Amino acid sequence: MTQDPRWQPLAAARPRMSEGWWHWVASRDSLTQRLIQAAGERHFEVRLLDERSGQPYYDEAAALGLVDGRRTWLREVALCVGGQPWVVARSVAPLIPRRSAPFAGLGETSLGSWLFRQPDLQRSPIEVCQSSRPIQGETGIWQRRSVFHHGGWAVLVQEAFLPRMCEELCLTP
C-alpha cells in the first residue's frame, strides 16, 4: 500500500523553496505554456502514459470530495522538452454517467491547453509536497496539485517537477 503524500499549503513550503522553484511551483497560469517558453528552440511534447477508469488514492478522492470507492477517470502524462521528461502529471476526474471526463480523448494534447481556454475556469489553492507518491515511477523534486472546476466538472491535477528540469534550467533543488 502506498503512503499518502503530506500535502501542505503552498505558503508553508515557501521557506524551503528556492526563488527559481517558487517561480514554477507557485504559478497559477498554464504550466504547458511555461514549459514551451522554457524549451526555446527545443521540441515540446506530451506523452500519454496511461488513461483509464480506476480507483483514486484516498487523498485524491478527499481533494475532490468523493465518497470512498467511487471510480474516476485517471490520466498520466509526461511533459517533455527535447525528448526528455521534465514533468510527469496525473489528472483525476469523477466519472459522471453518460458523460466523459473533460480530458477523455485528449490523447497527447496537454490538459492545460484545454483547461486554460475555459472562460469559467476556477482553480483551488495550490498544495505542495516533497515526499510525493510516484507518478509512473517518478517522484520529482517538488510536486504540486490543485483542483480545477469548469462547467460542473472537477479535475484534480498533480504535477511532479523532475530532476532533469532542475538540471536543464539550473534551478537550485
C-alpha atoms as a PDB file:
ATOM      1  CA  MET A   1       0.000   0.000   0.000  1.00  0.00           C
ATOM      2  CA  THR A   2       1.350   3.415  -0.979  1.00  0.00           C
ATOM      3  CA  GLN A   3       1.532   6.013   1.776  1.00  0.00           C
ATOM      4  CA  ASP A   4      -0.393   9.207   1.148  1.00  0.00           C
ATOM      5  CA  PRO A   5       1.804  12.249   0.464  1.00  0.00           C
ATOM      6  CA  ARG A   6       1.972  15.011   3.051  1.00  0.00           C
ATOM      7  CA  TRP A   7       0.330  17.828   1.128  1.00  0.00           C
ATOM      8  CA  GLN A   8       0.643  21.309   2.596  1.00  0.00           C
ATOM      9  CA  PRO A   9      -0.400  24.805   1.552  1.00  0.00           C
ATOM     10  CA  LEU A  10       1.982  26.426  -0.903  1.00  0.00           C
ATOM     11  CA  ALA A  11       2.886  29.236   1.520  1.00  0.00           C
ATOM     12  CA  ALA A  12       4.081  26.711   4.138  1.00  0.00           C
ATOM     13  CA  ALA A  13       6.716  25.386   1.714  1.00  0.00           C
ATOM     14  CA  ARG A  14       7.972  28.819   0.652  1.00  0.00           C
ATOM     15  CA  PRO A  15      10.858  28.996   3.190  1.00  0.00           C
ATOM     16  CA  ARG A  16      12.309  25.705   1.831  1.00  0.00           C
ATOM     17  CA  MET A  17      11.901  26.604  -1.849  1.00  0.00           C
ATOM     18  CA  SER A  18      14.449  28.489  -3.944  1.00  0.00           C
ATOM     19  CA  GLU A  19      13.296  31.546  -5.903  1.00  0.00           C
ATOM     20  CA  GLY A  20      13.630  29.593  -9.150  1.00  0.00           C
ATOM     21  CA  TRP A  21      11.408  26.778  -7.944  1.00  0.00           C
ATOM     22  CA  TRP A  22       8.899  29.244  -6.475  1.00  0.00           C
ATOM     23  CA  HIS A  23       8.536  30.760  -9.947  1.00  0.00           C
ATOM     24  CA  TRP A  24       7.496  27.342 -11.314  1.00  0.00           C
ATOM     25  CA  VAL A  25       5.588  25.782  -8.429  1.00  0.00           C
ATOM     26  CA  ALA A  26       3.562  28.839  -7.391  1.00  0.00           C
ATOM     27  CA  SER A  27       2.475  29.865 -10.896  1.00  0.00           C
ATOM     28  CA  ARG A  28      -1.273  29.739 -11.488  1.00  0.00           C
ATOM     29  CA  ASP A  29      -1.122  30.076 -15.260  1.00  0.00           C
ATOM     30  CA  SER A  30      -0.587  27.275 -17.792  1.00  0.00           C
ATOM     31  CA  LEU A  31       2.385  25.046 -16.993  1.00  0.00           C
ATOM     32  CA  THR A  32       2.290  23.870 -20.610  1.00  0.00           C
ATOM     33  CA  GLN A  33       2.851  27.425 -21.865  1.00  0.00           C
ATOM     34  CA  ARG A  34       5.659  27.990 -19.363  1.00  0.00           C
ATOM     35  CA  LEU A  35       7.388  24.788 -20.492  1.00  0.00           C
ATOM     36  CA  ILE A  36       7.020  25.717 -24.161  1.00  0.00           C
ATOM     37  CA  GLN A  37       8.636  29.099 -23.429  1.00  0.00           C
ATOM     38  CA  ALA A  38      11.439  27.477 -21.417  1.00  0.00           C
ATOM     39  CA  ALA A  39      12.045  24.957 -24.214  1.00  0.00           C
ATOM     40  CA  GLY A  40      13.082  27.709 -26.613  1.00  0.00           C
ATOM     41  CA  GLU A  41      14.105  26.011 -29.864  1.00  0.00           C
ATOM     42  CA  ARG A  42      13.762  22.525 -28.378  1.00  0.00           C
ATOM     43  CA  HIS A  43      10.682  20.458 -29.155  1.00  0.00           C
ATOM     44  CA  PHE A  44       7.917  20.268 -26.519  1.00  0.00           C
ATOM     45  CA  GLU A  45       5.627  17.249 -26.460  1.00  0.00           C
ATOM     46  CA  VAL A  46       3.082  15.497 -24.265  1.00  0.00           C
ATOM     47  CA  ARG A  47       3.467  11.727 -23.931  1.00  0.00           C
ATOM     48  CA  LEU A  48       0.350   9.880 -22.859  1.00  0.00           C
ATOM     49  CA  LEU A  49       1.471   7.255 -20.335  1.00  0.00           C
ATOM     50  CA  ASP A  50      -1.864   5.948 -19.035  1.00  0.00           C
ATOM     51  CA  GLU A  51      -5.548   6.758 -19.406  1.00  0.00           C
ATOM     52  CA  ARG A  52      -8.321   4.661 -17.872  1.00  0.00           C
ATOM     53  CA  SER A  53     -11.082   4.460 -15.309  1.00  0.00           C
ATOM     54  CA  GLY A  54      -9.979   3.349 -11.862  1.00  0.00           C
ATOM     55  CA  GLN A  55      -9.830   3.944  -8.124  1.00  0.00           C
ATOM     56  CA  PRO A  56      -8.272   7.179  -6.954  1.00  0.00           C
ATOM     57  CA  TYR A  57      -5.960   7.200  -3.978  1.00  0.00           C
ATOM     58  CA  TYR A  58      -7.587   8.215  -0.690  1.00  0.00           C
ATOM     59  CA  ASP A  59      -6.030  11.700  -0.679  1.00  0.00           C
ATOM     60  CA  GLU A  60      -7.135  12.261  -4.292  1.00  0.00           C
ATOM     61  CA  ALA A  61     -10.730  11.260  -3.504  1.00  0.00           C
ATOM     62  CA  ALA A  62     -10.687  13.562  -0.452  1.00  0.00           C
ATOM     63  CA  ALA A  63      -9.377  16.501  -2.522  1.00  0.00           C
ATOM     64  CA  LEU A  64     -12.264  16.008  -4.957  1.00  0.00           C
ATOM     65  CA  GLY A  65     -14.828  15.482  -2.180  1.00  0.00           C
ATOM     66  CA  LEU A  66     -15.641  11.973  -3.409  1.00  0.00           C
ATOM     67  CA  VAL A  67     -17.061   9.198  -1.294  1.00  0.00           C
ATOM     68  CA  ASP A  68     -14.732   6.262  -0.763  1.00  0.00           C
ATOM     69  CA  GLY A  69     -14.921   3.664  -3.501  1.00  0.00           C
ATOM     70  CA  ARG A  70     -16.119   5.948  -6.297  1.00  0.00           C
ATOM     71  CA  ARG A  71     -14.391   5.305  -9.596  1.00  0.00           C
ATOM     72  CA  THR A  72     -12.686   8.089 -11.507  1.00  0.00           C
ATOM     73  CA  TRP A  73     -11.059   8.757 -14.832  1.00  0.00           C
ATOM     74  CA  LEU A  74      -7.256   8.704 -14.461  1.00  0.00           C
ATOM     75  CA  ARG A  75      -4.749  10.177 -16.903  1.00  0.00           C
ATOM     76  CA  GLU A  76      -0.965  10.273 -16.583  1.00  0.00           C
ATOM     77  CA  VAL A  77       1.345  12.101 -18.959  1.00  0.00           C
ATOM     78  CA  ALA A  78       4.964  13.187 -19.294  1.00  0.00           C
ATOM     79  CA  LEU A  79       5.621  16.766 -20.390  1.00  0.00           C
ATOM     80  CA  CYS A  80       8.841  16.539 -22.371  1.00  0.00           C
ATOM     81  CA  VAL A  81      11.372  19.055 -23.648  1.00  0.00           C
ATOM     82  CA  GLY A  82      13.915  17.916 -26.216  1.00  0.00           C
ATOM     83  CA  GLY A  83      12.647  14.345 -25.847  1.00  0.00           C
ATOM     84  CA  GLN A  84      13.269  14.297 -22.070  1.00  0.00           C
ATOM     85  CA  PRO A  85      10.510  14.295 -19.417  1.00  0.00           C
ATOM     86  CA  TRP A  86      10.631  17.464 -17.302  1.00  0.00           C
ATOM     87  CA  VAL A  87       7.281  16.983 -15.560  1.00  0.00           C
ATOM     88  CA  VAL A  88       5.016  13.987 -15.021  1.00  0.00           C
ATOM     89  CA  ALA A  89       1.380  14.705 -14.284  1.00  0.00           C
ATOM     90  CA  ARG A  90      -1.615  12.773 -13.012  1.00  0.00           C
ATOM     91  CA  SER A  91      -5.171  14.030 -13.517  1.00  0.00           C
ATOM     92  CA  VAL A  92      -8.181  12.578 -11.706  1.00  0.00           C
ATOM     93  CA  ALA A  93     -11.817  13.363 -12.529  1.00  0.00           C
ATOM     94  CA  PRO A  94     -15.046  11.816 -11.206  1.00  0.00           C
ATOM     95  CA  LEU A  95     -16.890   9.577 -13.650  1.00  0.00           C
ATOM     96  CA  ILE A  96     -20.278  11.036 -14.444  1.00  0.00           C
ATOM     97  CA  PRO A  97     -22.877   8.760 -16.059  1.00  0.00           C
ATOM     98  CA  ARG A  98     -23.452   9.419 -19.770  1.00  0.00           C
ATOM     99  CA  ARG A  99     -20.627  11.996 -19.879  1.00  0.00           C
ATOM    100  CA  SER A 100     -16.928  11.540 -20.424  1.00  0.00           C
ATOM    101  CA  ALA A 101     -14.213  13.139 -18.337  1.00  0.00           C
ATOM    102  CA  PRO A 102     -13.182  16.597 -19.538  1.00  0.00           C
ATOM    103  CA  PHE A 103      -9.866  15.185 -20.701  1.00  0.00           C
ATOM    104  CA  ALA A 104     -11.161  11.989 -22.336  1.00  0.00           C
ATOM    105  CA  GLY A 105      -9.889  11.847 -25.892  1.00  0.00           C
ATOM    106  CA  LEU A 106      -7.144  14.461 -25.465  1.00  0.00           C
ATOM    107  CA  GLY A 107      -4.505  11.869 -26.274  1.00  0.00           C
ATOM    108  CA  GLU A 108      -1.156  13.623 -26.455  1.00  0.00           C
ATOM    109  CA  THR A 109      -2.620  17.116 -26.160  1.00  0.00           C
ATOM    110  CA  SER A 110      -1.995  18.763 -22.796  1.00  0.00           C
ATOM    111  CA  LEU A 111      -4.923  19.109 -20.423  1.00  0.00           C
ATOM    112  CA  GLY A 112      -3.737  22.637 -19.637  1.00  0.00           C
ATOM    113  CA  SER A 113      -4.130  23.698 -23.271  1.00  0.00           C
ATOM    114  CA  TRP A 114      -7.820  22.820 -22.934  1.00  0.00           C
ATOM    115  CA  LEU A 115      -8.385  23.994 -19.346  1.00  0.00           C
ATOM    116  CA  PHE A 116      -6.930  27.462 -19.696  1.00  0.00           C
ATOM    117  CA  ARG A 117      -9.213  28.237 -22.665  1.00  0.00           C
ATOM    118  CA  GLN A 118     -12.330  27.812 -20.480  1.00  0.00           C
ATOM    119  CA  PRO A 119     -13.766  31.222 -19.525  1.00  0.00           C
ATOM    120  CA  ASP A 120     -15.355  29.989 -16.260  1.00  0.00           C
ATOM    121  CA  LEU A 121     -12.292  28.083 -15.031  1.00  0.00           C
ATOM    122  CA  GLN A 122     -11.707  28.213 -11.282  1.00  0.00           C
ATOM    123  CA  ARG A 123      -8.656  26.809  -9.522  1.00  0.00           C
ATOM    124  CA  SER A 124      -8.316  25.818  -5.892  1.00  0.00           C
ATOM    125  CA  PRO A 125      -5.285  26.893  -3.846  1.00  0.00           C
ATOM    126  CA  ILE A 126      -2.098  25.019  -4.761  1.00  0.00           C
ATOM    127  CA  GLU A 127      -0.803  22.372  -2.355  1.00  0.00           C
ATOM    128  CA  VAL A 128       2.762  21.038  -2.466  1.00  0.00           C
ATOM    129  CA  CYS A 129       4.905  18.222  -1.122  1.00  0.00           C
ATOM    130  CA  GLN A 130       8.418  16.895  -1.482  1.00  0.00           C
ATOM    131  CA  SER A 131       7.908  13.293  -0.402  1.00  0.00           C
ATOM    132  CA  SER A 132       5.323  12.529  -3.028  1.00  0.00           C
ATOM    133  CA  ARG A 133       3.763   9.346  -4.343  1.00  0.00           C
ATOM    134  CA  PRO A 134       5.421   8.346  -7.626  1.00  0.00           C
ATOM    135  CA  ILE A 135       3.692   9.091 -10.915  1.00  0.00           C
ATOM    136  CA  GLN A 136       4.822   6.445 -13.408  1.00  0.00           C
ATOM    137  CA  GLY A 137       7.784   5.713 -11.115  1.00  0.00           C
ATOM    138  CA  GLU A 138       8.912   9.375 -10.916  1.00  0.00           C
ATOM    139  CA  THR A 139       8.683  11.390  -7.692  1.00  0.00           C
ATOM    140  CA  GLY A 140      10.184  14.724  -8.682  1.00  0.00           C
ATOM    141  CA  ILE A 141      11.907  17.404  -6.623  1.00  0.00           C
ATOM    142  CA  TRP A 142       8.652  19.235  -5.911  1.00  0.00           C
ATOM    143  CA  GLN A 143       5.124  18.091  -6.562  1.00  0.00           C
ATOM    144  CA  ARG A 144       2.053  20.317  -6.617  1.00  0.00           C
ATOM    145  CA  ARG A 145      -1.655  19.800  -7.012  1.00  0.00           C
ATOM    146  CA  SER A 146      -4.863  21.768  -7.300  1.00  0.00           C
ATOM    147  CA  VAL A 147      -8.450  21.174  -8.313  1.00  0.00           C
ATOM    148  CA  PHE A 148      -9.820  22.863 -11.415  1.00  0.00           C
ATOM    149  CA  HIS A 149     -13.566  23.482 -11.743  1.00  0.00           C
ATOM    150  CA  HIS A 150     -15.282  24.132 -15.051  1.00  0.00           C
ATOM    151  CA  GLY A 151     -18.912  23.782 -16.082  1.00  0.00           C
ATOM    152  CA  GLY A 152     -19.777  21.354 -13.286  1.00  0.00           C
ATOM    153  CA  TRP A 153     -16.550  19.366 -13.689  1.00  0.00           C
ATOM    154  CA  ALA A 154     -13.861  18.937 -11.074  1.00  0.00           C
ATOM    155  CA  VAL A 155     -10.406  17.747 -12.116  1.00  0.00           C
ATOM    156  CA  LEU A 156      -7.515  17.203  -9.711  1.00  0.00           C
ATOM    157  CA  VAL A 157      -4.202  17.901 -11.443  1.00  0.00           C
ATOM    158  CA  GLN A 158      -0.945  16.770  -9.809  1.00  0.00           C
ATOM    159  CA  GLU A 159       2.427  17.672 -11.330  1.00  0.00           C
ATOM    160  CA  ALA A 160       5.864  16.360 -10.335  1.00  0.00           C
ATOM    161  CA  PHE A 161       8.829  18.518 -11.398  1.00  0.00           C
ATOM    162  CA  LEU A 162      11.673  16.177 -12.327  1.00  0.00           C
ATOM    163  CA  PRO A 163      15.450  16.444 -11.729  1.00  0.00           C
ATOM    164  CA  ARG A 164      16.059  16.762 -15.499  1.00  0.00           C
ATOM    165  CA  MET A 165      14.127  20.056 -15.485  1.00  0.00           C
ATOM    166  CA  CYS A 166      16.175  21.218 -12.492  1.00  0.00           C
ATOM    167  CA  GLU A 167      19.414  20.457 -14.330  1.00  0.00           C
ATOM    168  CA  GLU A 168      18.373  21.991 -17.660  1.00  0.00           C
ATOM    169  CA  LEU A 169      17.123  25.227 -16.067  1.00  0.00           C
ATOM    170  CA  CYS A 170      19.939  25.381 -13.462  1.00  0.00           C
ATOM    171  CA  LEU A 171      17.442  25.526 -10.596  1.00  0.00           C
ATOM    172  CA  THR A 172      18.650  25.118  -7.018  1.00  0.00           C
ATOM    173  CA  PRO A 173      16.944  21.996  -5.591  1.00  0.00           C
END
